[in-house]
Amino acid sequence: MASLTLAVGGAGVAIVNGTQRDDAGYLMSDSVTLGSGGYAITSPDVEIDGAGALPHRILGDAKVTAETNGDAALFVGVARTADVKNYLGDVQTTRVSVFADDPVYEEQSGGAPATAPGKSDIWVAQQSGTGPQSITWPVENGNWTVVVMNADSSRGVSADVTTGATVPVIGWIYGGLFVAAGLTLVIGVVLLVVAIRRKPNVS
């Protein structure tokens, strides 16, 4: 299960803060190529459990960008884990348990989805089309899962995926301490790794 972690340290915040942000101000992970012979790729379930608005104050807005390696239009969306499980309950799905250069997958057997992902109303944020597709949403308490599919819900999904967040807490302590906040994501797919780049622990 993914968890929200804080690591307080010293030097390096200026380098990380200045070099790992994209044009929109998000601290982003390296791109990881993900693939599935089924109909969907999902991140690990991300559990956010903090006091009140604390998760958003620390992590800000989250971002996932995915770009297809094929010809089909791509869909990327995030929803509550329970809703994703209902939507993909009987669907052949690939869950990413470790989001890294050499991803680790868990396979779920099944058939095709009953409806295309864009026709479902479960998504907190969604985007589909050709070229890079990005979604952003405010980090808040709950259990969340990111999903990557072909927009037409066809079999065989392959995409390059990056994840990140705005992490406003870095600005609060910029002159002194370095706080790295990591969200272990799965699109079962995806870890949301922010500020530090390291292989996540798997429980």
N, C-alpha and C. Protein backbone atom coordinates (compact mmCIF):
# COMPACT_ATOMS: atom_id res chain seq x y z
N MET A 1 0.86 -1.18 0.00
CA MET A 1 0.00 0.00 0.00
C MET A 1 0.89 1.23 0.00
N ALA A 2 0.54 2.20 -0.80
CA ALA A 2 1.33 3.40 -0.87
C ALA A 2 1.09 4.24 0.35
N SER A 3 2.05 5.07 0.68
CA SER A 3 1.88 5.89 1.86
C SER A 3 2.50 7.25 1.65
N LEU A 4 2.05 8.22 2.45
CA LEU A 4 2.57 9.57 2.41
C LEU A 4 3.72 9.65 3.39
N THR A 5 4.91 10.06 2.92
CA THR A 5 6.08 10.10 3.78
C THR A 5 6.77 11.44 3.69
N LEU A 6 7.38 11.85 4.76
CA LEU A 6 8.16 13.09 4.79
C LEU A 6 9.57 12.76 5.24
N ALA A 7 10.54 13.26 4.53
CA ALA A 7 11.93 13.08 4.90
C ALA A 7 12.56 14.45 5.01
N VAL A 8 13.07 14.77 6.20
CA VAL A 8 13.65 16.08 6.42
C VAL A 8 15.16 15.96 6.38
N GLY A 9 15.79 16.76 5.57
CA GLY A 9 17.22 16.70 5.41
C GLY A 9 17.83 18.07 5.27
N GLY A 10 19.06 18.10 4.76
CA GLY A 10 19.78 19.36 4.64
C GLY A 10 19.98 19.81 3.22
N ALA A 11 21.22 19.70 2.72
CA ALA A 11 21.61 20.29 1.46
C ALA A 11 20.92 19.66 0.28
N GLY A 12 20.90 20.39 -0.83
CA GLY A 12 20.38 19.87 -2.09
C GLY A 12 19.07 20.45 -2.51
N VAL A 13 18.37 21.17 -1.65
CA VAL A 13 17.06 21.66 -2.02
C VAL A 13 17.11 22.64 -3.18
N ALA A 14 18.14 23.46 -3.23
CA ALA A 14 18.21 24.45 -4.31
C ALA A 14 18.37 23.77 -5.65
N ILE A 15 19.19 22.72 -5.70
CA ILE A 15 19.41 22.00 -6.96
C ILE A 15 18.14 21.30 -7.41
N VAL A 16 17.51 20.58 -6.47
CA VAL A 16 16.29 19.85 -6.80
C VAL A 16 15.19 20.80 -7.23
N ASN A 17 15.01 21.86 -6.45
CA ASN A 17 13.93 22.80 -6.72
C ASN A 17 14.13 23.53 -8.03
N GLY A 18 15.39 23.72 -8.42
CA GLY A 18 15.67 24.49 -9.62
C GLY A 18 15.78 23.70 -10.89
N THR A 19 16.03 22.38 -10.78
CA THR A 19 16.31 21.60 -11.98
C THR A 19 15.26 20.54 -12.30
N GLN A 20 14.43 20.17 -11.35
CA GLN A 20 13.49 19.06 -11.59
C GLN A 20 12.05 19.54 -11.78
N ARG A 21 11.85 20.82 -11.91
CA ARG A 21 10.51 21.34 -12.16
C ARG A 21 10.28 21.48 -13.67
N ASP A 22 9.03 21.19 -14.08
CA ASP A 22 8.69 21.41 -15.48
C ASP A 22 8.26 22.86 -15.69
N ASP A 23 7.82 23.18 -16.89
CA ASP A 23 7.47 24.57 -17.20
C ASP A 23 6.28 25.07 -16.38
N ALA A 24 5.47 24.15 -15.87
CA ALA A 24 4.30 24.54 -15.07
C ALA A 24 4.61 24.57 -13.57
N GLY A 25 5.85 24.28 -13.20
CA GLY A 25 6.24 24.36 -11.80
C GLY A 25 6.10 23.08 -11.01
N TYR A 26 5.91 21.94 -11.67
CA TYR A 26 5.78 20.66 -10.98
C TYR A 26 7.14 19.98 -10.87
N LEU A 27 7.46 19.45 -9.69
CA LEU A 27 8.62 18.58 -9.53
C LEU A 27 8.25 17.22 -10.09
N MET A 28 8.99 16.77 -11.11
CA MET A 28 8.58 15.58 -11.85
C MET A 28 9.59 14.45 -11.72
N SER A 29 9.09 13.23 -11.78
CA SER A 29 9.92 12.04 -11.83
C SER A 29 10.50 11.87 -13.23
N ASP A 30 11.44 10.95 -13.37
CA ASP A 30 11.89 10.55 -14.70
C ASP A 30 10.76 9.82 -15.42
N SER A 31 10.81 9.81 -16.75
CA SER A 31 9.82 9.09 -17.54
C SER A 31 10.08 7.59 -17.44
N VAL A 32 9.00 6.84 -17.26
CA VAL A 32 9.06 5.38 -17.19
C VAL A 32 8.13 4.80 -18.25
N THR A 33 8.63 3.85 -19.02
CA THR A 33 7.82 3.20 -20.04
C THR A 33 7.03 2.06 -19.42
N LEU A 34 5.70 2.12 -19.56
CA LEU A 34 4.81 1.10 -19.01
C LEU A 34 4.05 0.41 -20.14
N GLY A 35 3.79 -0.88 -19.97
CA GLY A 35 3.09 -1.60 -21.02
C GLY A 35 2.18 -2.68 -20.46
N SER A 36 1.13 -2.97 -21.21
CA SER A 36 0.19 -4.03 -20.82
C SER A 36 -0.38 -4.68 -22.06
N GLY A 37 -0.53 -6.00 -22.02
CA GLY A 37 -1.22 -6.70 -23.08
C GLY A 37 -2.72 -6.68 -22.89
N GLY A 38 -3.17 -6.14 -21.74
CA GLY A 38 -4.58 -6.06 -21.45
C GLY A 38 -5.18 -4.72 -21.86
N TYR A 39 -6.19 -4.30 -21.11
CA TYR A 39 -6.96 -3.12 -21.49
C TYR A 39 -6.66 -1.89 -20.65
N ALA A 40 -5.94 -2.07 -19.55
CA ALA A 40 -5.68 -0.93 -18.67
C ALA A 40 -4.40 -1.14 -17.89
N ILE A 41 -3.74 -0.04 -17.60
CA ILE A 41 -2.62 -0.01 -16.66
C ILE A 41 -3.07 0.84 -15.48
N THR A 42 -2.86 0.33 -14.27
CA THR A 42 -3.24 1.10 -13.09
C THR A 42 -2.05 1.27 -12.16
N SER A 43 -2.06 2.37 -11.42
CA SER A 43 -1.02 2.64 -10.44
C SER A 43 -1.28 1.82 -9.19
N PRO A 44 -0.33 1.84 -8.26
CA PRO A 44 -0.65 1.29 -6.95
C PRO A 44 -1.73 2.16 -6.32
N ASP A 45 -2.49 1.59 -5.41
CA ASP A 45 -3.49 2.39 -4.70
C ASP A 45 -2.75 3.37 -3.79
N VAL A 46 -3.08 4.64 -3.91
CA VAL A 46 -2.42 5.68 -3.12
C VAL A 46 -3.33 6.09 -1.97
N GLU A 47 -2.87 5.85 -0.75
CA GLU A 47 -3.65 6.23 0.42
C GLU A 47 -3.11 7.54 0.98
N ILE A 48 -3.93 8.56 1.00
CA ILE A 48 -3.57 9.85 1.58
C ILE A 48 -4.37 10.01 2.85
N ASP A 49 -3.68 10.13 3.98
CA ASP A 49 -4.36 10.22 5.26
C ASP A 49 -3.63 11.23 6.12
N GLY A 50 -4.07 12.47 6.08
CA GLY A 50 -3.44 13.54 6.85
C GLY A 50 -4.49 14.39 7.52
N ALA A 51 -4.05 15.20 8.46
CA ALA A 51 -4.99 16.05 9.20
C ALA A 51 -5.50 17.18 8.30
N GLY A 52 -6.81 17.23 8.11
CA GLY A 52 -7.42 18.33 7.38
C GLY A 52 -6.82 18.53 6.01
N ALA A 53 -6.37 19.76 5.77
CA ALA A 53 -5.81 20.13 4.47
C ALA A 53 -4.30 19.93 4.41
N LEU A 54 -3.72 19.24 5.41
CA LEU A 54 -2.26 19.09 5.45
C LEU A 54 -1.67 18.47 4.20
N PRO A 55 -2.25 17.38 3.65
CA PRO A 55 -1.65 16.80 2.43
C PRO A 55 -1.52 17.81 1.30
N HIS A 56 -2.55 18.65 1.10
CA HIS A 56 -2.47 19.63 0.02
C HIS A 56 -1.47 20.72 0.34
N ARG A 57 -1.36 21.11 1.61
CA ARG A 57 -0.39 22.13 1.99
C ARG A 57 1.04 21.65 1.75
N ILE A 58 1.26 20.35 1.93
CA ILE A 58 2.60 19.79 1.74
C ILE A 58 2.88 19.51 0.27
N LEU A 59 1.97 18.80 -0.40
CA LEU A 59 2.22 18.32 -1.76
C LEU A 59 1.62 19.21 -2.84
N GLY A 60 0.61 20.01 -2.50
CA GLY A 60 0.00 20.89 -3.49
C GLY A 60 -0.84 20.12 -4.48
N ASP A 61 -0.64 20.37 -5.75
CA ASP A 61 -1.36 19.68 -6.83
C ASP A 61 -0.49 18.58 -7.41
N ALA A 62 -1.09 17.44 -7.69
CA ALA A 62 -0.39 16.31 -8.31
C ALA A 62 -0.55 16.37 -9.82
N LYS A 63 0.36 15.71 -10.52
CA LYS A 63 0.33 15.70 -11.99
C LYS A 63 0.81 14.36 -12.51
N VAL A 64 0.13 13.85 -13.51
CA VAL A 64 0.58 12.66 -14.24
C VAL A 64 0.50 12.97 -15.73
N THR A 65 1.59 12.72 -16.45
CA THR A 65 1.63 12.90 -17.89
C THR A 65 1.94 11.55 -18.55
N ALA A 66 1.17 11.19 -19.57
CA ALA A 66 1.38 9.93 -20.28
C ALA A 66 1.34 10.20 -21.78
N GLU A 67 2.25 9.55 -22.51
CA GLU A 67 2.30 9.68 -23.97
C GLU A 67 2.37 8.29 -24.58
N THR A 68 1.46 8.00 -25.48
CA THR A 68 1.37 6.66 -26.06
C THR A 68 2.60 6.33 -26.89
N ASN A 69 2.92 5.04 -26.91
CA ASN A 69 3.96 4.52 -27.80
C ASN A 69 3.37 3.84 -29.02
N GLY A 70 2.06 3.98 -29.19
CA GLY A 70 1.38 3.38 -30.34
C GLY A 70 0.65 4.42 -31.15
N ASP A 71 -0.34 3.96 -31.91
CA ASP A 71 -1.10 4.85 -32.78
C ASP A 71 -2.43 5.29 -32.17
N ALA A 72 -2.91 4.55 -31.17
CA ALA A 72 -4.22 4.85 -30.60
C ALA A 72 -4.17 6.08 -29.71
N ALA A 73 -5.27 6.82 -29.66
CA ALA A 73 -5.39 7.92 -28.70
C ALA A 73 -5.35 7.34 -27.29
N LEU A 74 -4.74 8.08 -26.37
CA LEU A 74 -4.52 7.59 -25.02
C LEU A 74 -5.45 8.29 -24.04
N PHE A 75 -5.85 7.56 -22.99
CA PHE A 75 -6.65 8.11 -21.90
C PHE A 75 -5.85 8.01 -20.62
N VAL A 76 -5.85 9.06 -19.80
CA VAL A 76 -5.28 9.00 -18.46
C VAL A 76 -6.26 9.67 -17.50
N GLY A 77 -6.51 9.01 -16.37
CA GLY A 77 -7.46 9.56 -15.41
C GLY A 77 -7.12 9.11 -14.00
N VAL A 78 -7.65 9.84 -13.01
CA VAL A 78 -7.49 9.47 -11.61
C VAL A 78 -8.87 9.47 -10.96
N ALA A 79 -9.10 8.47 -10.10
CA ALA A 79 -10.40 8.34 -9.43
C ALA A 79 -10.18 7.65 -8.10
N ARG A 80 -11.20 7.67 -7.27
CA ARG A 80 -11.12 6.94 -6.01
C ARG A 80 -10.95 5.45 -6.31
N THR A 81 -10.14 4.79 -5.50
CA THR A 81 -9.78 3.40 -5.75
C THR A 81 -11.01 2.50 -5.83
N ALA A 82 -11.98 2.71 -4.96
CA ALA A 82 -13.19 1.89 -4.98
C ALA A 82 -13.93 2.02 -6.31
N ASP A 83 -13.95 3.23 -6.87
CA ASP A 83 -14.62 3.44 -8.16
C ASP A 83 -13.86 2.77 -9.29
N VAL A 84 -12.53 2.84 -9.23
CA VAL A 84 -11.71 2.17 -10.25
C VAL A 84 -11.92 0.67 -10.19
N LYS A 85 -11.98 0.12 -8.99
CA LYS A 85 -12.19 -1.33 -8.85
C LYS A 85 -13.55 -1.75 -9.40
N ASN A 86 -14.54 -0.92 -9.21
CA ASN A 86 -15.85 -1.23 -9.79
C ASN A 86 -15.81 -1.19 -11.32
N TYR A 87 -15.12 -0.19 -11.86
CA TYR A 87 -15.06 -0.03 -13.32
C TYR A 87 -14.23 -1.13 -13.98
N LEU A 88 -13.11 -1.51 -13.33
CA LEU A 88 -12.19 -2.48 -13.92
C LEU A 88 -12.26 -3.85 -13.24
N GLY A 89 -13.32 -4.10 -12.48
CA GLY A 89 -13.39 -5.33 -11.70
C GLY A 89 -13.22 -6.61 -12.48
N ASP A 90 -13.80 -6.70 -13.68
CA ASP A 90 -13.71 -7.92 -14.50
C ASP A 90 -12.89 -7.70 -15.77
N VAL A 91 -12.05 -6.68 -15.75
CA VAL A 91 -11.28 -6.30 -16.94
C VAL A 91 -9.83 -6.79 -16.82
N GLN A 92 -9.27 -7.25 -17.92
CA GLN A 92 -7.86 -7.64 -17.94
C GLN A 92 -7.01 -6.39 -17.73
N THR A 93 -6.30 -6.37 -16.61
CA THR A 93 -5.61 -5.15 -16.16
C THR A 93 -4.20 -5.46 -15.71
N THR A 94 -3.31 -4.52 -15.92
CA THR A 94 -1.93 -4.61 -15.42
C THR A 94 -1.74 -3.55 -14.35
N ARG A 95 -1.41 -3.98 -13.14
CA ARG A 95 -1.16 -3.06 -12.03
C ARG A 95 0.34 -2.89 -11.85
N VAL A 96 0.79 -1.65 -11.77
CA VAL A 96 2.21 -1.37 -11.53
C VAL A 96 2.43 -1.30 -10.03
N SER A 97 3.19 -2.24 -9.49
CA SER A 97 3.46 -2.24 -8.06
C SER A 97 4.74 -1.49 -7.73
N VAL A 98 5.68 -1.42 -8.70
CA VAL A 98 6.90 -0.62 -8.53
C VAL A 98 7.09 0.22 -9.77
N PHE A 99 7.06 1.54 -9.59
CA PHE A 99 7.22 2.49 -10.69
C PHE A 99 8.69 2.89 -10.74
N ALA A 100 9.44 2.29 -11.68
CA ALA A 100 10.88 2.50 -11.77
C ALA A 100 11.32 2.19 -13.19
N ASP A 101 12.63 2.34 -13.45
CA ASP A 101 13.15 2.06 -14.79
C ASP A 101 12.81 0.64 -15.24
N ASP A 102 12.77 -0.28 -14.30
CA ASP A 102 12.39 -1.66 -14.58
C ASP A 102 11.11 -1.95 -13.79
N PRO A 103 9.94 -1.57 -14.32
CA PRO A 103 8.70 -1.66 -13.54
C PRO A 103 8.37 -3.10 -13.14
N VAL A 104 7.69 -3.22 -12.01
CA VAL A 104 7.20 -4.51 -11.54
C VAL A 104 5.68 -4.49 -11.68
N TYR A 105 5.13 -5.54 -12.29
CA TYR A 105 3.71 -5.59 -12.60
C TYR A 105 3.01 -6.71 -11.85
N GLU A 106 1.71 -6.52 -11.64
CA GLU A 106 0.82 -7.58 -11.19
C GLU A 106 -0.32 -7.67 -12.20
N GLU A 107 -0.58 -8.88 -12.70
CA GLU A 107 -1.57 -9.05 -13.76
C GLU A 107 -2.91 -9.53 -13.21
N GLN A 108 -3.98 -8.97 -13.71
CA GLN A 108 -5.33 -9.41 -13.39
C GLN A 108 -6.00 -9.89 -14.67
N SER A 109 -6.48 -11.12 -14.67
CA SER A 109 -7.15 -11.66 -15.85
C SER A 109 -8.56 -11.10 -15.95
N GLY A 110 -9.12 -11.20 -17.14
CA GLY A 110 -10.47 -10.71 -17.35
C GLY A 110 -10.73 -10.42 -18.81
N GLY A 111 -11.81 -9.73 -19.08
CA GLY A 111 -12.19 -9.41 -20.45
C GLY A 111 -12.07 -7.93 -20.73
N ALA A 112 -12.86 -7.47 -21.69
CA ALA A 112 -12.82 -6.06 -22.10
C ALA A 112 -13.75 -5.23 -21.22
N PRO A 113 -13.47 -3.93 -21.07
CA PRO A 113 -14.38 -3.08 -20.30
C PRO A 113 -15.71 -2.91 -21.01
N ALA A 114 -16.75 -2.69 -20.23
CA ALA A 114 -18.10 -2.53 -20.81
C ALA A 114 -18.24 -1.21 -21.54
N THR A 115 -17.53 -0.19 -21.08
CA THR A 115 -17.59 1.14 -21.72
C THR A 115 -16.20 1.72 -21.81
N ALA A 116 -16.01 2.63 -22.75
CA ALA A 116 -14.74 3.33 -22.88
C ALA A 116 -14.52 4.21 -21.65
N PRO A 117 -13.27 4.45 -21.25
CA PRO A 117 -13.03 5.19 -20.01
C PRO A 117 -13.61 6.60 -20.02
N GLY A 118 -13.58 7.26 -21.15
CA GLY A 118 -14.08 8.62 -21.22
C GLY A 118 -15.58 8.74 -21.01
N LYS A 119 -16.30 7.62 -21.08
CA LYS A 119 -17.75 7.65 -20.88
C LYS A 119 -18.14 7.39 -19.43
N SER A 120 -17.14 7.11 -18.59
CA SER A 120 -17.41 6.89 -17.18
C SER A 120 -17.36 8.23 -16.43
N ASP A 121 -18.16 8.35 -15.38
CA ASP A 121 -18.21 9.59 -14.62
C ASP A 121 -17.45 9.50 -13.29
N ILE A 122 -16.54 8.52 -13.17
CA ILE A 122 -15.85 8.32 -11.89
C ILE A 122 -14.64 9.23 -11.71
N TRP A 123 -14.17 9.86 -12.75
CA TRP A 123 -12.86 10.51 -12.73
C TRP A 123 -12.87 11.88 -12.04
N VAL A 124 -11.88 12.09 -11.17
CA VAL A 124 -11.65 13.40 -10.58
C VAL A 124 -10.95 14.30 -11.60
N ALA A 125 -10.08 13.70 -12.40
CA ALA A 125 -9.42 14.41 -13.51
C ALA A 125 -9.20 13.40 -14.62
N GLN A 126 -9.36 13.82 -15.86
CA GLN A 126 -9.16 12.93 -17.00
C GLN A 126 -8.75 13.73 -18.22
N GLN A 127 -8.04 13.05 -19.13
CA GLN A 127 -7.64 13.66 -20.39
C GLN A 127 -7.43 12.55 -21.40
N SER A 128 -7.76 12.80 -22.65
CA SER A 128 -7.53 11.80 -23.69
C SER A 128 -7.21 12.49 -25.00
N GLY A 129 -6.49 11.76 -25.86
CA GLY A 129 -6.13 12.28 -27.17
C GLY A 129 -4.79 11.74 -27.61
N THR A 130 -4.26 12.29 -28.69
CA THR A 130 -2.94 11.91 -29.19
C THR A 130 -1.91 12.88 -28.63
N GLY A 131 -0.67 12.44 -28.60
CA GLY A 131 0.38 13.27 -28.01
C GLY A 131 0.34 13.17 -26.49
N PRO A 132 1.18 13.93 -25.80
CA PRO A 132 1.21 13.88 -24.33
C PRO A 132 -0.12 14.30 -23.73
N GLN A 133 -0.59 13.51 -22.77
CA GLN A 133 -1.84 13.80 -22.07
C GLN A 133 -1.54 13.99 -20.59
N SER A 134 -1.92 15.14 -20.03
CA SER A 134 -1.60 15.46 -18.64
C SER A 134 -2.86 15.72 -17.85
N ILE A 135 -2.88 15.21 -16.62
CA ILE A 135 -3.94 15.53 -15.68
C ILE A 135 -3.33 16.13 -14.43
N THR A 136 -4.03 17.06 -13.81
CA THR A 136 -3.62 17.63 -12.53
C THR A 136 -4.82 17.66 -11.60
N TRP A 137 -4.57 17.53 -10.31
CA TRP A 137 -5.65 17.58 -9.33
C TRP A 137 -5.05 17.89 -7.96
N PRO A 138 -5.83 18.52 -7.07
CA PRO A 138 -5.33 18.83 -5.73
C PRO A 138 -5.23 17.58 -4.88
N VAL A 139 -4.09 17.41 -4.23
CA VAL A 139 -3.90 16.25 -3.35
C VAL A 139 -4.81 16.39 -2.13
N GLU A 140 -5.61 15.36 -1.86
CA GLU A 140 -6.50 15.38 -0.71
C GLU A 140 -6.65 13.98 -0.15
N ASN A 141 -7.18 13.90 1.06
CA ASN A 141 -7.33 12.61 1.73
C ASN A 141 -8.21 11.65 0.93
N GLY A 142 -7.89 10.37 1.05
CA GLY A 142 -8.65 9.35 0.36
C GLY A 142 -7.74 8.29 -0.22
N ASN A 143 -8.34 7.32 -0.88
CA ASN A 143 -7.61 6.27 -1.59
C ASN A 143 -7.80 6.49 -3.08
N TRP A 144 -6.69 6.61 -3.82
CA TRP A 144 -6.73 7.04 -5.21
C TRP A 144 -5.96 6.08 -6.10
N THR A 145 -6.41 5.97 -7.35
CA THR A 145 -5.73 5.14 -8.34
C THR A 145 -5.70 5.88 -9.67
N VAL A 146 -4.55 5.85 -10.32
CA VAL A 146 -4.39 6.42 -11.66
C VAL A 146 -4.55 5.31 -12.69
N VAL A 147 -5.21 5.62 -13.79
CA VAL A 147 -5.48 4.62 -14.83
C VAL A 147 -5.02 5.16 -16.18
N VAL A 148 -4.33 4.33 -16.94
CA VAL A 148 -3.94 4.64 -18.31
C VAL A 148 -4.53 3.58 -19.23
N MET A 149 -5.27 4.00 -20.25
CA MET A 149 -5.90 3.09 -21.20
C MET A 149 -5.84 3.70 -22.59
N ASN A 150 -6.09 2.88 -23.59
CA ASN A 150 -6.39 3.44 -24.90
C ASN A 150 -7.77 4.10 -24.83
N ALA A 151 -7.92 5.24 -25.46
CA ALA A 151 -9.18 5.99 -25.35
C ALA A 151 -10.37 5.21 -25.87
N ASP A 152 -10.14 4.31 -26.83
CA ASP A 152 -11.24 3.50 -27.37
C ASP A 152 -11.40 2.19 -26.62
N SER A 153 -10.67 2.04 -25.49
CA SER A 153 -10.69 0.86 -24.62
C SER A 153 -10.22 -0.41 -25.31
N SER A 154 -9.38 -0.27 -26.33
CA SER A 154 -8.84 -1.44 -27.02
C SER A 154 -7.70 -2.07 -26.22
N ARG A 155 -7.40 -3.32 -26.57
CA ARG A 155 -6.36 -4.08 -25.88
C ARG A 155 -4.97 -3.61 -26.33
N GLY A 156 -3.99 -3.70 -25.41
CA GLY A 156 -2.60 -3.38 -25.71
C GLY A 156 -2.30 -1.92 -25.44
N VAL A 157 -1.79 -1.62 -24.24
CA VAL A 157 -1.52 -0.24 -23.84
C VAL A 157 -0.03 -0.08 -23.59
N SER A 158 0.56 0.96 -24.16
CA SER A 158 1.97 1.26 -23.92
C SER A 158 2.14 2.77 -23.88
N ALA A 159 2.80 3.26 -22.82
CA ALA A 159 2.94 4.70 -22.68
C ALA A 159 4.16 5.03 -21.84
N ASP A 160 4.72 6.21 -22.10
CA ASP A 160 5.77 6.78 -21.26
C ASP A 160 5.09 7.69 -20.24
N VAL A 161 5.36 7.44 -18.96
CA VAL A 161 4.63 8.11 -17.88
C VAL A 161 5.59 8.84 -16.96
N THR A 162 5.23 10.06 -16.58
CA THR A 162 5.93 10.81 -15.55
C THR A 162 4.92 11.28 -14.52
N THR A 163 5.37 11.42 -13.26
CA THR A 163 4.50 11.85 -12.18
C THR A 163 5.18 12.92 -11.36
N GLY A 164 4.39 13.74 -10.68
CA GLY A 164 4.98 14.79 -9.86
C GLY A 164 3.96 15.57 -9.08
N ALA A 165 4.42 16.65 -8.47
CA ALA A 165 3.54 17.52 -7.68
C ALA A 165 4.22 18.87 -7.52
N THR A 166 3.44 19.86 -7.10
CA THR A 166 4.01 21.21 -6.94
C THR A 166 4.82 21.34 -5.66
N VAL A 167 4.52 20.59 -4.63
CA VAL A 167 5.25 20.54 -3.37
C VAL A 167 5.54 21.94 -2.81
N PRO A 168 4.52 22.71 -2.44
CA PRO A 168 4.76 24.06 -1.94
C PRO A 168 5.56 24.12 -0.66
N VAL A 169 5.63 23.01 0.09
CA VAL A 169 6.38 23.02 1.34
C VAL A 169 7.84 23.37 1.13
N ILE A 170 8.37 23.06 -0.04
CA ILE A 170 9.77 23.39 -0.30
C ILE A 170 9.99 24.89 -0.21
N GLY A 171 9.03 25.65 -0.70
CA GLY A 171 9.15 27.09 -0.62
C GLY A 171 9.16 27.61 0.81
N TRP A 172 8.43 26.94 1.71
CA TRP A 172 8.33 27.38 3.09
C TRP A 172 9.68 27.26 3.81
N ILE A 173 10.45 26.23 3.48
CA ILE A 173 11.69 26.00 4.22
C ILE A 173 12.91 26.08 3.30
N TYR A 174 12.77 26.81 2.20
CA TYR A 174 13.81 26.85 1.17
C TYR A 174 15.17 27.25 1.72
N GLY A 175 15.21 28.18 2.66
CA GLY A 175 16.49 28.66 3.16
C GLY A 175 17.18 27.72 4.11
N GLY A 176 16.50 26.71 4.60
CA GLY A 176 17.12 25.85 5.60
C GLY A 176 17.03 24.38 5.29
N LEU A 177 15.87 23.77 5.58
CA LEU A 177 15.73 22.33 5.47
C LEU A 177 15.21 21.90 4.12
N PHE A 178 15.47 20.67 3.78
CA PHE A 178 14.96 20.08 2.54
C PHE A 178 13.94 19.03 2.91
N VAL A 179 12.69 19.26 2.48
CA VAL A 179 11.64 18.27 2.74
C VAL A 179 11.28 17.58 1.44
N ALA A 180 11.35 16.28 1.43
CA ALA A 180 10.97 15.51 0.25
C ALA A 180 9.70 14.75 0.57
N ALA A 181 8.68 14.97 -0.20
CA ALA A 181 7.42 14.26 0.04
C ALA A 181 7.18 13.29 -1.10
N GLY A 182 6.99 12.01 -0.79
CA GLY A 182 6.78 11.01 -1.83
C GLY A 182 5.42 10.36 -1.72
N LEU A 183 4.72 10.28 -2.84
CA LEU A 183 3.46 9.54 -2.88
C LEU A 183 3.69 8.30 -3.72
N THR A 184 3.51 7.15 -3.11
CA THR A 184 3.62 5.93 -3.90
C THR A 184 2.35 5.74 -4.70
N LEU A 185 2.38 6.02 -6.01
CA LEU A 185 1.23 5.84 -6.86
C LEU A 185 1.23 4.49 -7.57
N VAL A 186 -0.06 3.83 -7.93
CA VAL A 186 -0.24 2.86 -9.01
C VAL A 186 -1.34 3.21 -9.89
N ILE A 187 -1.33 3.64 -11.34
CA ILE A 187 -2.04 3.58 -12.58
C ILE A 187 -2.21 2.47 -12.89
N GLY A 188 -1.20 1.39 -10.71
CA GLY A 188 -0.97 -0.06 -10.74
C GLY A 188 -0.14 -0.10 -11.64
N VAL A 189 -0.23 1.53 -11.38
CA VAL A 189 0.80 2.02 -12.20
C VAL A 189 1.72 2.85 -11.62
N VAL A 190 1.43 3.60 -10.84
CA VAL A 190 2.29 4.73 -10.79
C VAL A 190 2.65 5.11 -9.38
N LEU A 191 3.95 5.43 -9.14
CA LEU A 191 4.33 6.09 -7.91
C LEU A 191 4.38 7.58 -8.20
N LEU A 192 3.87 8.33 -7.28
CA LEU A 192 4.07 9.79 -7.37
C LEU A 192 5.31 10.08 -6.56
N VAL A 193 6.45 10.31 -7.28
CA VAL A 193 7.70 10.51 -6.59
C VAL A 193 8.11 11.95 -6.75
N VAL A 194 8.32 12.63 -5.65
CA VAL A 194 8.57 14.06 -5.70
C VAL A 194 9.88 14.39 -5.00
N ALA A 195 10.69 15.22 -5.62
CA ALA A 195 11.87 15.84 -5.03
C ALA A 195 13.07 14.92 -4.91
N ILE A 196 12.89 13.67 -4.53
CA ILE A 196 14.00 12.75 -4.49
C ILE A 196 13.72 11.59 -5.42
N ARG A 197 14.75 11.09 -6.07
CA ARG A 197 14.58 9.99 -7.01
C ARG A 197 15.22 8.75 -6.42
N ARG A 198 14.36 7.84 -5.99
CA ARG A 198 14.85 6.60 -5.42
C ARG A 198 13.81 5.53 -5.63
N LYS A 199 14.25 4.28 -5.67
CA LYS A 199 13.31 3.18 -5.84
C LYS A 199 12.49 3.04 -4.58
N PRO A 200 11.15 3.02 -4.66
CA PRO A 200 10.33 2.95 -3.47
C PRO A 200 10.40 1.59 -2.80
N ASN A 201 10.16 1.59 -1.49
CA ASN A 201 10.09 0.32 -0.77
C ASN A 201 8.75 -0.33 -1.02
N VAL A 202 8.74 -1.63 -1.14
CA VAL A 202 7.51 -2.37 -1.36
C VAL A 202 7.24 -3.22 -0.14
N SER A 203 6.10 -3.00 0.49
CA SER A 203 5.76 -3.76 1.69
C SER A 203 5.08 -5.06 1.32
